[in-house]
Amino acid sequence: MNWHHLVSYFFGGAFLANAVPHLVSGMMGRPFQSPFAKPPGQGFSSSTVNVLWGFFNAVVGYLLVVRVGSFELRSTTHVLALGLGALLISLQVARHFGKFNGGNEPERS
């Protein structure tokens, strides 16, 4: 096992996790923040842009996980690297997008 394979799986997990909100929002016909919005990462992009961006992220994630090394789903090390990448990007974007969508300070009843 080469260490750069684990780095690839880590970033593959990040790209795969990042694909989810863009694809879901786009497929629901809802605008969502993307790097192509004005200002980037803060303004909203169209649902079509989000589907394309989400699909791009899914393709890059696939390439990083499946085409680099030999990813083994039964390997704890491989799965941990992928899962850690997915978890960290998920927490980061939750905090970032929470500023714009009210997720950081939800109303309490």
PDB file of N, CA and C in Angstrom:
ATOM      1  N   MET A   1       0.850  -1.186   0.000  1.00  0.00           N
ATOM      2  CA  MET A   1       0.000   0.000   0.000  1.00  0.00           C
ATOM      3  C   MET A   1       0.887   1.237   0.000  1.00  0.00           C
ATOM      4  N   ASN A   2       0.687   2.064  -0.976  1.00  0.00           N
ATOM      5  CA  ASN A   2       1.389   3.339  -1.057  1.00  0.00           C
ATOM      6  C   ASN A   2       0.579   4.412  -0.348  1.00  0.00           C
ATOM      7  N   TRP A   3       1.252   5.310   0.334  1.00  0.00           N
ATOM      8  CA  TRP A   3       0.554   6.363   1.073  1.00  0.00           C
ATOM      9  C   TRP A   3      -0.231   7.264   0.130  1.00  0.00           C
ATOM     10  N   HIS A   4       0.264   7.435  -1.101  1.00  0.00           N
ATOM     11  CA  HIS A   4      -0.472   8.321  -2.014  1.00  0.00           C
ATOM     12  C   HIS A   4      -1.805   7.720  -2.454  1.00  0.00           C
ATOM     13  N   HIS A   5      -1.965   6.418  -2.352  1.00  0.00           N
ATOM     14  CA  HIS A   5      -3.272   5.815  -2.617  1.00  0.00           C
ATOM     15  C   HIS A   5      -4.264   6.254  -1.539  1.00  0.00           C
ATOM     16  N   LEU A   6      -3.825   6.272  -0.276  1.00  0.00           N
ATOM     17  CA  LEU A   6      -4.700   6.718   0.811  1.00  0.00           C
ATOM     18  C   LEU A   6      -5.079   8.188   0.648  1.00  0.00           C
ATOM     19  N   VAL A   7      -4.139   9.012   0.201  1.00  0.00           N
ATOM     20  CA  VAL A   7      -4.433  10.431  -0.059  1.00  0.00           C
ATOM     21  C   VAL A   7      -5.473  10.547  -1.171  1.00  0.00           C
ATOM     22  N   SER A   8      -5.325   9.728  -2.191  1.00  0.00           N
ATOM     23  CA  SER A   8      -6.296   9.717  -3.289  1.00  0.00           C
ATOM     24  C   SER A   8      -7.678   9.304  -2.795  1.00  0.00           C
ATOM     25  N   TYR A   9      -7.755   8.293  -1.926  1.00  0.00           N
ATOM     26  CA  TYR A   9      -9.040   7.846  -1.389  1.00  0.00           C
ATOM     27  C   TYR A   9      -9.657   8.920  -0.503  1.00  0.00           C
ATOM     28  N   PHE A  10      -8.815   9.615   0.265  1.00  0.00           N
ATOM     29  CA  PHE A  10      -9.280  10.714   1.115  1.00  0.00           C
ATOM     30  C   PHE A  10      -9.959  11.788   0.260  1.00  0.00           C
ATOM     31  N   PHE A  11      -9.267  12.243  -0.780  1.00  0.00           N
ATOM     32  CA  PHE A  11      -9.836  13.285  -1.636  1.00  0.00           C
ATOM     33  C   PHE A  11     -10.991  12.746  -2.476  1.00  0.00           C
ATOM     34  N   GLY A  12     -10.943  11.466  -2.827  1.00  0.00           N
ATOM     35  CA  GLY A  12     -12.075  10.857  -3.518  1.00  0.00           C
ATOM     36  C   GLY A  12     -13.324  10.899  -2.663  1.00  0.00           C
ATOM     37  N   GLY A  13     -13.175  10.611  -1.364  1.00  0.00           N
ATOM     38  CA  GLY A  13     -14.311  10.706  -0.445  1.00  0.00           C
ATOM     39  C   GLY A  13     -14.842  12.124  -0.353  1.00  0.00           C
ATOM     40  N   ALA A  14     -13.929  13.096  -0.354  1.00  0.00           N
ATOM     41  CA  ALA A  14     -14.357  14.495  -0.300  1.00  0.00           C
ATOM     42  C   ALA A  14     -15.147  14.870  -1.551  1.00  0.00           C
ATOM     43  N   PHE A  15     -14.659  14.480  -2.720  1.00  0.00           N
ATOM     44  CA  PHE A  15     -15.371  14.799  -3.961  1.00  0.00           C
ATOM     45  C   PHE A  15     -16.717  14.088  -4.023  1.00  0.00           C
ATOM     46  N   LEU A  16     -16.771  12.826  -3.609  1.00  0.00           N
ATOM     47  CA  LEU A  16     -18.040  12.092  -3.631  1.00  0.00           C
ATOM     48  C   LEU A  16     -19.065  12.723  -2.690  1.00  0.00           C
ATOM     49  N   ALA A  17     -18.620  13.112  -1.495  1.00  0.00           N
ATOM     50  CA  ALA A  17     -19.542  13.754  -0.552  1.00  0.00           C
ATOM     51  C   ALA A  17     -20.002  15.106  -1.078  1.00  0.00           C
ATOM     52  N   ASN A  18     -19.108  15.839  -1.720  1.00  0.00           N
ATOM     53  CA  ASN A  18     -19.472  17.152  -2.249  1.00  0.00           C
ATOM     54  C   ASN A  18     -20.451  17.043  -3.420  1.00  0.00           C
ATOM     55  N   ALA A  19     -20.450  15.926  -4.094  1.00  0.00           N
ATOM     56  CA  ALA A  19     -21.374  15.739  -5.218  1.00  0.00           C
ATOM     57  C   ALA A  19     -22.823  15.680  -4.745  1.00  0.00           C
ATOM     58  N   VAL A  20     -23.041  15.163  -3.551  1.00  0.00           N
ATOM     59  CA  VAL A  20     -24.405  14.889  -3.079  1.00  0.00           C
ATOM     60  C   VAL A  20     -25.285  16.136  -3.006  1.00  0.00           C
ATOM     61  N   PRO A  21     -24.911  17.202  -2.291  1.00  0.00           N
ATOM     62  CA  PRO A  21     -25.836  18.334  -2.184  1.00  0.00           C
ATOM     63  C   PRO A  21     -26.085  19.029  -3.527  1.00  0.00           C
ATOM     64  N   HIS A  22     -25.068  19.046  -4.378  1.00  0.00           N
ATOM     65  CA  HIS A  22     -25.245  19.694  -5.682  1.00  0.00           C
ATOM     66  C   HIS A  22     -26.188  18.893  -6.570  1.00  0.00           C
ATOM     67  N   LEU A  23     -25.996  17.574  -6.602  1.00  0.00           N
ATOM     68  CA  LEU A  23     -26.886  16.738  -7.408  1.00  0.00           C
ATOM     69  C   LEU A  23     -28.311  16.767  -6.875  1.00  0.00           C
ATOM     70  N   VAL A  24     -28.475  16.642  -5.563  1.00  0.00           N
ATOM     71  CA  VAL A  24     -29.817  16.612  -4.979  1.00  0.00           C
ATOM     72  C   VAL A  24     -30.527  17.942  -5.196  1.00  0.00           C
ATOM     73  N   SER A  25     -29.867  19.038  -4.898  1.00  0.00           N
ATOM     74  CA  SER A  25     -30.493  20.354  -5.095  1.00  0.00           C
ATOM     75  C   SER A  25     -30.849  20.567  -6.558  1.00  0.00           C
ATOM     76  N   GLY A  26     -29.908  20.252  -7.429  1.00  0.00           N
ATOM     77  CA  GLY A  26     -30.158  20.431  -8.858  1.00  0.00           C
ATOM     78  C   GLY A  26     -31.295  19.567  -9.359  1.00  0.00           C
ATOM     79  N   MET A  27     -31.334  18.307  -8.929  1.00  0.00           N
ATOM     80  CA  MET A  27     -32.388  17.408  -9.388  1.00  0.00           C
ATOM     81  C   MET A  27     -33.749  17.802  -8.833  1.00  0.00           C
ATOM     82  N   MET A  28     -33.750  18.510  -7.699  1.00  0.00           N
ATOM     83  CA  MET A  28     -35.009  18.995  -7.143  1.00  0.00           C
ATOM     84  C   MET A  28     -35.426  20.328  -7.775  1.00  0.00           C
ATOM     85  N   GLY A  29     -34.582  20.837  -8.661  1.00  0.00           N
ATOM     86  CA  GLY A  29     -34.892  22.097  -9.322  1.00  0.00           C
ATOM     87  C   GLY A  29     -34.633  23.316  -8.460  1.00  0.00           C
ATOM     88  N   ARG A  30     -33.810  23.163  -7.432  1.00  0.00           N
ATOM     89  CA  ARG A  30     -33.537  24.256  -6.505  1.00  0.00           C
ATOM     90  C   ARG A  30     -32.158  24.854  -6.753  1.00  0.00           C
ATOM     91  N   PRO A  31     -32.040  26.168  -6.626  1.00  0.00           N
ATOM     92  CA  PRO A  31     -30.708  26.772  -6.719  1.00  0.00           C
ATOM     93  C   PRO A  31     -29.894  26.424  -5.474  1.00  0.00           C
ATOM     94  N   PHE A  32     -28.588  26.457  -5.614  1.00  0.00           N
ATOM     95  CA  PHE A  32     -27.703  26.149  -4.487  1.00  0.00           C
ATOM     96  C   PHE A  32     -26.366  26.841  -4.749  1.00  0.00           C
ATOM     97  N   GLN A  33     -25.623  27.096  -3.695  1.00  0.00           N
ATOM     98  CA  GLN A  33     -24.329  27.729  -3.846  1.00  0.00           C
ATOM     99  C   GLN A  33     -23.385  26.821  -4.633  1.00  0.00           C
ATOM    100  N   SER A  34     -22.536  27.457  -5.440  1.00  0.00           N
ATOM    101  CA  SER A  34     -21.502  26.710  -6.161  1.00  0.00           C
ATOM    102  C   SER A  34     -20.333  27.654  -6.427  1.00  0.00           C
ATOM    103  N   PRO A  35     -19.228  27.109  -6.896  1.00  0.00           N
ATOM    104  CA  PRO A  35     -18.082  27.968  -7.213  1.00  0.00           C
ATOM    105  C   PRO A  35     -18.349  28.905  -8.389  1.00  0.00           C
ATOM    106  N   PHE A  36     -19.427  28.676  -9.119  1.00  0.00           N
ATOM    107  CA  PHE A  36     -19.710  29.478 -10.307  1.00  0.00           C
ATOM    108  C   PHE A  36     -20.676  30.623 -10.034  1.00  0.00           C
ATOM    109  N   ALA A  37     -21.147  30.719  -8.802  1.00  0.00           N
ATOM    110  CA  ALA A  37     -22.084  31.783  -8.421  1.00  0.00           C
ATOM    111  C   ALA A  37     -21.313  33.085  -8.208  1.00  0.00           C
ATOM    112  N   LYS A  38     -22.066  34.167  -8.083  1.00  0.00           N
ATOM    113  CA  LYS A  38     -21.455  35.464  -7.771  1.00  0.00           C
ATOM    114  C   LYS A  38     -22.032  35.943  -6.464  1.00  0.00           C
ATOM    115  N   PRO A  39     -21.230  36.114  -5.420  1.00  0.00           N
ATOM    116  CA  PRO A  39     -19.823  35.728  -5.305  1.00  0.00           C
ATOM    117  C   PRO A  39     -19.677  34.213  -5.188  1.00  0.00           C
ATOM    118  N   PRO A  40     -18.527  33.684  -5.643  1.00  0.00           N
ATOM    119  CA  PRO A  40     -18.321  32.235  -5.638  1.00  0.00           C
ATOM    120  C   PRO A  40     -18.507  31.614  -4.249  1.00  0.00           C
ATOM    121  N   GLY A  41     -19.281  30.529  -4.198  1.00  0.00           N
ATOM    122  CA  GLY A  41     -19.495  29.818  -2.947  1.00  0.00           C
ATOM    123  C   GLY A  41     -20.485  30.484  -2.017  1.00  0.00           C
ATOM    124  N   GLN A  42     -21.026  31.635  -2.411  1.00  0.00           N
ATOM    125  CA  GLN A  42     -21.982  32.335  -1.554  1.00  0.00           C
ATOM    126  C   GLN A  42     -23.306  32.562  -2.263  1.00  0.00           C
ATOM    127  N   GLY A  43     -23.237  33.040  -3.505  1.00  0.00           N
ATOM    128  CA  GLY A  43     -24.455  33.251  -4.277  1.00  0.00           C
ATOM    129  C   GLY A  43     -24.994  31.925  -4.782  1.00  0.00           C
ATOM    130  N   PHE A  44     -26.182  31.976  -5.354  1.00  0.00           N
ATOM    131  CA  PHE A  44     -26.825  30.754  -5.838  1.00  0.00           C
ATOM    132  C   PHE A  44     -26.532  30.533  -7.318  1.00  0.00           C
ATOM    133  N   SER A  45     -26.379  29.276  -7.680  1.00  0.00           N
ATOM    134  CA  SER A  45     -26.275  28.860  -9.075  1.00  0.00           C
ATOM    135  C   SER A  45     -27.559  28.124  -9.433  1.00  0.00           C
ATOM    136  N   SER A  46     -27.833  28.062 -10.718  1.00  0.00           N
ATOM    137  CA  SER A  46     -29.059  27.400 -11.176  1.00  0.00           C
ATOM    138  C   SER A  46     -29.003  25.906 -10.882  1.00  0.00           C
ATOM    139  N   SER A  47     -30.165  25.294 -10.954  1.00  0.00           N
ATOM    140  CA  SER A  47     -30.241  23.848 -10.726  1.00  0.00           C
ATOM    141  C   SER A  47     -29.436  23.092 -11.781  1.00  0.00           C
ATOM    142  N   THR A  48     -29.431  23.579 -13.018  1.00  0.00           N
ATOM    143  CA  THR A  48     -28.670  22.923 -14.085  1.00  0.00           C
ATOM    144  C   THR A  48     -27.173  22.976 -13.798  1.00  0.00           C
ATOM    145  N   VAL A  49     -26.685  24.132 -13.378  1.00  0.00           N
ATOM    146  CA  VAL A  49     -25.265  24.262 -13.035  1.00  0.00           C
ATOM    147  C   VAL A  49     -24.918  23.312 -11.899  1.00  0.00           C
ATOM    148  N   ASN A  50     -25.810  23.187 -10.930  1.00  0.00           N
ATOM    149  CA  ASN A  50     -25.540  22.303  -9.794  1.00  0.00           C
ATOM    150  C   ASN A  50     -25.525  20.834 -10.193  1.00  0.00           C
ATOM    151  N   VAL A  51     -26.386  20.425 -11.096  1.00  0.00           N
ATOM    152  CA  VAL A  51     -26.350  19.040 -11.571  1.00  0.00           C
ATOM    153  C   VAL A  51     -25.016  18.782 -12.281  1.00  0.00           C
ATOM    154  N   LEU A  52     -24.599  19.707 -13.122  1.00  0.00           N
ATOM    155  CA  LEU A  52     -23.333  19.534 -13.835  1.00  0.00           C
ATOM    156  C   LEU A  52     -22.146  19.513 -12.870  1.00  0.00           C
ATOM    157  N   TRP A  53     -22.149  20.420 -11.891  1.00  0.00           N
ATOM    158  CA  TRP A  53     -21.068  20.469 -10.909  1.00  0.00           C
ATOM    159  C   TRP A  53     -21.061  19.209 -10.037  1.00  0.00           C
ATOM    160  N   GLY A  54     -22.225  18.758  -9.634  1.00  0.00           N
ATOM    161  CA  GLY A  54     -22.311  17.538  -8.836  1.00  0.00           C
ATOM    162  C   GLY A  54     -21.846  16.323  -9.617  1.00  0.00           C
ATOM    163  N   PHE A  55     -22.216  16.248 -10.877  1.00  0.00           N
ATOM    164  CA  PHE A  55     -21.793  15.131 -11.716  1.00  0.00           C
ATOM    165  C   PHE A  55     -20.282  15.146 -11.904  1.00  0.00           C
ATOM    166  N   PHE A  56     -19.706  16.334 -12.112  1.00  0.00           N
ATOM    167  CA  PHE A  56     -18.255  16.463 -12.226  1.00  0.00           C
ATOM    168  C   PHE A  56     -17.573  15.964 -10.953  1.00  0.00           C
ATOM    169  N   ASN A  57     -18.089  16.360  -9.794  1.00  0.00           N
ATOM    170  CA  ASN A  57     -17.522  15.910  -8.520  1.00  0.00           C
ATOM    171  C   ASN A  57     -17.604  14.393  -8.385  1.00  0.00           C
ATOM    172  N   ALA A  58     -18.717  13.809  -8.806  1.00  0.00           N
ATOM    173  CA  ALA A  58     -18.883  12.349  -8.731  1.00  0.00           C
ATOM    174  C   ALA A  58     -17.868  11.646  -9.640  1.00  0.00           C
ATOM    175  N   VAL A  59     -17.644  12.176 -10.827  1.00  0.00           N
ATOM    176  CA  VAL A  59     -16.673  11.578 -11.752  1.00  0.00           C
ATOM    177  C   VAL A  59     -15.262  11.657 -11.176  1.00  0.00           C
ATOM    178  N   VAL A  60     -14.881  12.825 -10.656  1.00  0.00           N
ATOM    179  CA  VAL A  60     -13.549  12.974 -10.063  1.00  0.00           C
ATOM    180  C   VAL A  60     -13.402  12.044  -8.863  1.00  0.00           C
ATOM    181  N   GLY A  61     -14.423  11.967  -8.013  1.00  0.00           N
ATOM    182  CA  GLY A  61     -14.391  11.064  -6.870  1.00  0.00           C
ATOM    183  C   GLY A  61     -14.208   9.622  -7.312  1.00  0.00           C
ATOM    184  N   TYR A  62     -14.949   9.218  -8.323  1.00  0.00           N
ATOM    185  CA  TYR A  62     -14.821   7.863  -8.869  1.00  0.00           C
ATOM    186  C   TYR A  62     -13.388   7.603  -9.339  1.00  0.00           C
ATOM    187  N   LEU A  63     -12.850   8.529 -10.106  1.00  0.00           N
ATOM    188  CA  LEU A  63     -11.498   8.348 -10.632  1.00  0.00           C
ATOM    189  C   LEU A  63     -10.469   8.231  -9.513  1.00  0.00           C
ATOM    190  N   LEU A  64     -10.612   9.051  -8.475  1.00  0.00           N
ATOM    191  CA  LEU A  64      -9.660   9.017  -7.367  1.00  0.00           C
ATOM    192  C   LEU A  64      -9.765   7.745  -6.534  1.00  0.00           C
ATOM    193  N   VAL A  65     -10.960   7.178  -6.441  1.00  0.00           N
ATOM    194  CA  VAL A  65     -11.151   5.995  -5.597  1.00  0.00           C
ATOM    195  C   VAL A  65     -10.932   4.702  -6.389  1.00  0.00           C
ATOM    196  N   VAL A  66     -11.484   4.614  -7.559  1.00  0.00           N
ATOM    197  CA  VAL A  66     -11.497   3.346  -8.288  1.00  0.00           C
ATOM    198  C   VAL A  66     -10.310   3.195  -9.242  1.00  0.00           C
ATOM    199  N   ARG A  67      -9.812   4.297  -9.759  1.00  0.00           N
ATOM    200  CA  ARG A  67      -8.764   4.198 -10.766  1.00  0.00           C
ATOM    201  C   ARG A  67      -7.355   4.390 -10.212  1.00  0.00           C
ATOM    202  N   VAL A  68      -7.220   4.738  -8.939  1.00  0.00           N
ATOM    203  CA  VAL A  68      -5.903   4.889  -8.319  1.00  0.00           C
ATOM    204  C   VAL A  68      -5.712   3.726  -7.345  1.00  0.00           C
ATOM    205  N   GLY A  69      -4.647   3.002  -7.510  1.00  0.00           N
ATOM    206  CA  GLY A  69      -4.402   1.858  -6.629  1.00  0.00           C
ATOM    207  C   GLY A  69      -5.459   0.788  -6.831  1.00  0.00           C
ATOM    208  N   SER A  70      -5.738   0.093  -5.758  1.00  0.00           N
ATOM    209  CA  SER A  70      -6.734  -0.975  -5.797  1.00  0.00           C
ATOM    210  C   SER A  70      -7.597  -0.852  -4.542  1.00  0.00           C
ATOM    211  N   PHE A  71      -8.610   0.020  -4.606  1.00  0.00           N
ATOM    212  CA  PHE A  71      -9.470   0.261  -3.452  1.00  0.00           C
ATOM    213  C   PHE A  71     -10.192  -1.023  -3.073  1.00  0.00           C
ATOM    214  N   GLU A  72     -10.086  -1.374  -1.794  1.00  0.00           N
ATOM    215  CA  GLU A  72     -10.743  -2.569  -1.275  1.00  0.00           C
ATOM    216  C   GLU A  72     -11.773  -2.160  -0.233  1.00  0.00           C
ATOM    217  N   LEU A  73     -13.018  -2.435  -0.496  1.00  0.00           N
ATOM    218  CA  LEU A  73     -14.087  -2.084   0.427  1.00  0.00           C
ATOM    219  C   LEU A  73     -13.941  -2.809   1.758  1.00  0.00           C
ATOM    220  N   ARG A  74     -13.273  -3.939   1.779  1.00  0.00           N
ATOM    221  CA  ARG A  74     -13.061  -4.690   3.020  1.00  0.00           C
ATOM    222  C   ARG A  74     -11.809  -4.245   3.774  1.00  0.00           C
ATOM    223  N   SER A  75     -11.066  -3.303   3.216  1.00  0.00           N
ATOM    224  CA  SER A  75      -9.878  -2.781   3.885  1.00  0.00           C
ATOM    225  C   SER A  75     -10.270  -1.615   4.784  1.00  0.00           C
ATOM    226  N   THR A  76     -10.085  -1.798   6.073  1.00  0.00           N
ATOM    227  CA  THR A  76     -10.435  -0.744   7.027  1.00  0.00           C
ATOM    228  C   THR A  76      -9.660   0.533   6.734  1.00  0.00           C
ATOM    229  N   THR A  77      -8.403   0.418   6.380  1.00  0.00           N
ATOM    230  CA  THR A  77      -7.583   1.589   6.084  1.00  0.00           C
ATOM    231  C   THR A  77      -8.133   2.359   4.890  1.00  0.00           C
ATOM    232  N   HIS A  78      -8.503   1.655   3.839  1.00  0.00           N
ATOM    233  CA  HIS A  78      -9.046   2.306   2.645  1.00  0.00           C
ATOM    234  C   HIS A  78     -10.358   3.019   2.971  1.00  0.00           C
ATOM    235  N   VAL A  79     -11.241   2.319   3.662  1.00  0.00           N
ATOM    236  CA  VAL A  79     -12.553   2.888   3.986  1.00  0.00           C
ATOM    237  C   VAL A  79     -12.420   4.061   4.946  1.00  0.00           C
ATOM    238  N   LEU A  80     -11.500   3.971   5.905  1.00  0.00           N
ATOM    239  CA  LEU A  80     -11.277   5.086   6.821  1.00  0.00           C
ATOM    240  C   LEU A  80     -10.761   6.323   6.096  1.00  0.00           C
ATOM    241  N   ALA A  81      -9.858   6.133   5.146  1.00  0.00           N
ATOM    242  CA  ALA A  81      -9.341   7.269   4.380  1.00  0.00           C
ATOM    243  C   ALA A  81     -10.469   7.941   3.598  1.00  0.00           C
ATOM    244  N   LEU A  82     -11.276   7.145   2.906  1.00  0.00           N
ATOM    245  CA  LEU A  82     -12.402   7.680   2.146  1.00  0.00           C
ATOM    246  C   LEU A  82     -13.415   8.343   3.080  1.00  0.00           C
ATOM    247  N   GLY A  83     -13.747   7.667   4.162  1.00  0.00           N
ATOM    248  CA  GLY A  83     -14.737   8.192   5.105  1.00  0.00           C
ATOM    249  C   GLY A  83     -14.280   9.464   5.784  1.00  0.00           C
ATOM    250  N   LEU A  84     -12.998   9.554   6.116  1.00  0.00           N
ATOM    251  CA  LEU A  84     -12.478  10.766   6.745  1.00  0.00           C
ATOM    252  C   LEU A  84     -12.548  11.944   5.793  1.00  0.00           C
ATOM    253  N   GLY A  85     -12.222  11.714   4.526  1.00  0.00           N
ATOM    254  CA  GLY A  85     -12.345  12.782   3.524  1.00  0.00           C
ATOM    255  C   GLY A  85     -13.786  13.241   3.389  1.00  0.00           C
ATOM    256  N   ALA A  86     -14.714  12.292   3.355  1.00  0.00           N
ATOM    257  CA  ALA A  86     -16.136  12.633   3.240  1.00  0.00           C
ATOM    258  C   ALA A  86     -16.630  13.369   4.483  1.00  0.00           C
ATOM    259  N   LEU A  87     -16.228  12.899   5.660  1.00  0.00           N
ATOM    260  CA  LEU A  87     -16.660  13.534   6.906  1.00  0.00           C
ATOM    261  C   LEU A  87     -16.139  14.965   7.023  1.00  0.00           C
ATOM    262  N   LEU A  88     -14.858  15.162   6.751  1.00  0.00           N
ATOM    263  CA  LEU A  88     -14.279  16.496   6.920  1.00  0.00           C
ATOM    264  C   LEU A  88     -14.859  17.514   5.944  1.00  0.00           C
ATOM    265  N   ILE A  89     -15.044  17.131   4.675  1.00  0.00           N
ATOM    266  CA  ILE A  89     -15.642  18.080   3.726  1.00  0.00           C
ATOM    267  C   ILE A  89     -17.097  18.329   4.095  1.00  0.00           C
ATOM    268  N   SER A  90     -17.790  17.314   4.591  1.00  0.00           N
ATOM    269  CA  SER A  90     -19.188  17.480   4.992  1.00  0.00           C
ATOM    270  C   SER A  90     -19.318  18.465   6.149  1.00  0.00           C
ATOM    271  N   LEU A  91     -18.451  18.345   7.148  1.00  0.00           N
ATOM    272  CA  LEU A  91     -18.479  19.285   8.274  1.00  0.00           C
ATOM    273  C   LEU A  91     -18.129  20.706   7.821  1.00  0.00           C
ATOM    274  N   GLN A  92     -17.135  20.814   6.931  1.00  0.00           N
ATOM    275  CA  GLN A  92     -16.720  22.129   6.456  1.00  0.00           C
ATOM    276  C   GLN A  92     -17.834  22.810   5.668  1.00  0.00           C
ATOM    277  N   VAL A  93     -18.463  22.099   4.749  1.00  0.00           N
ATOM    278  CA  VAL A  93     -19.513  22.731   3.953  1.00  0.00           C
ATOM    279  C   VAL A  93     -20.779  22.963   4.778  1.00  0.00           C
ATOM    280  N   ALA A  94     -21.030  22.133   5.787  1.00  0.00           N
ATOM    281  CA  ALA A  94     -22.174  22.372   6.674  1.00  0.00           C
ATOM    282  C   ALA A  94     -22.016  23.709   7.384  1.00  0.00           C
ATOM    283  N   ARG A  95     -20.824  23.982   7.877  1.00  0.00           N
ATOM    284  CA  ARG A  95     -20.562  25.267   8.544  1.00  0.00           C
ATOM    285  C   ARG A  95     -20.629  26.419   7.547  1.00  0.00           C
ATOM    286  N   HIS A  96     -20.014  26.228   6.372  1.00  0.00           N
ATOM    287  CA  HIS A  96     -19.981  27.295   5.371  1.00  0.00           C
ATOM    288  C   HIS A  96     -21.382  27.620   4.860  1.00  0.00           C
ATOM    289  N   PHE A  97     -22.113  26.620   4.390  1.00  0.00           N
ATOM    290  CA  PHE A  97     -23.441  26.868   3.832  1.00  0.00           C
ATOM    291  C   PHE A  97     -24.467  27.158   4.918  1.00  0.00           C
ATOM    292  N   GLY A  98     -24.194  26.724   6.141  1.00  0.00           N
ATOM    293  CA  GLY A  98     -25.078  27.037   7.257  1.00  0.00           C
ATOM    294  C   GLY A  98     -25.195  28.526   7.507  1.00  0.00           C
ATOM    295  N   LYS A  99     -24.140  29.286   7.158  1.00  0.00           N
ATOM    296  CA  LYS A  99     -24.182  30.747   7.295  1.00  0.00           C
ATOM    297  C   LYS A  99     -25.262  31.353   6.397  1.00  0.00           C
ATOM    298  N   PHE A 100     -25.486  30.744   5.254  1.00  0.00           N
ATOM    299  CA  PHE A 100     -26.415  31.298   4.272  1.00  0.00           C
ATOM    300  C   PHE A 100     -27.809  30.685   4.354  1.00  0.00           C
ATOM    301  N   ASN A 101     -27.915  29.499   4.918  1.00  0.00           N
ATOM    302  CA  ASN A 101     -29.182  28.783   4.929  1.00  0.00           C
ATOM    303  C   ASN A 101     -29.770  28.578   6.322  1.00  0.00           C
ATOM    304  N   GLY A 102     -29.182  29.222   7.339  1.00  0.00           N
ATOM    305  CA  GLY A 102     -29.723  29.157   8.678  1.00  0.00           C
ATOM    306  C   GLY A 102     -29.395  27.903   9.459  1.00  0.00           C
ATOM    307  N   GLY A 103     -28.497  27.071   8.937  1.00  0.00           N
ATOM    308  CA  GLY A 103     -28.191  25.813   9.611  1.00  0.00           C
ATOM    309  C   GLY A 103     -27.271  25.933  10.808  1.00  0.00           C
ATOM    310  N   ASN A 104     -26.541  27.030  10.915  1.00  0.00           N
ATOM    311  CA  ASN A 104     -25.613  27.186  12.038  1.00  0.00           C
ATOM    312  C   ASN A 104     -26.311  27.625  13.318  1.00  0.00           C
ATOM    313  N   GLU A 105     -27.426  28.322  13.181  1.00  0.00           N
ATOM    314  CA  GLU A 105     -28.168  28.803  14.350  1.00  0.00           C
ATOM    315  C   GLU A 105     -29.661  28.611  14.119  1.00  0.00           C
ATOM    316  N   PRO A 106     -30.125  27.359  14.143  1.00  0.00           N
ATOM    317  CA  PRO A 106     -31.557  27.122  13.914  1.00  0.00           C
ATOM    318  C   PRO A 106     -32.390  27.686  15.062  1.00  0.00           C
ATOM    319  N   GLU A 107     -33.600  28.075  14.717  1.00  0.00           N
ATOM    320  CA  GLU A 107     -34.512  28.584  15.752  1.00  0.00           C
ATOM    321  C   GLU A 107     -34.901  27.452  16.684  1.00  0.00           C
ATOM    322  N   ARG A 108     -34.956  27.764  17.943  1.00  0.00           N
ATOM    323  CA  ARG A 108     -35.355  26.763  18.942  1.00  0.00           C
ATOM    324  C   ARG A 108     -36.739  27.137  19.457  1.00  0.00           C
ATOM    325  N   SER A 109     -37.590  26.142  19.589  1.00  0.00           N
ATOM    326  CA  SER A 109     -38.950  26.444  20.060  1.00  0.00           C
ATOM    327  C   SER A 109     -39.092  26.213  21.540  1.00  0.00           C
TER     328      SER A 109
END
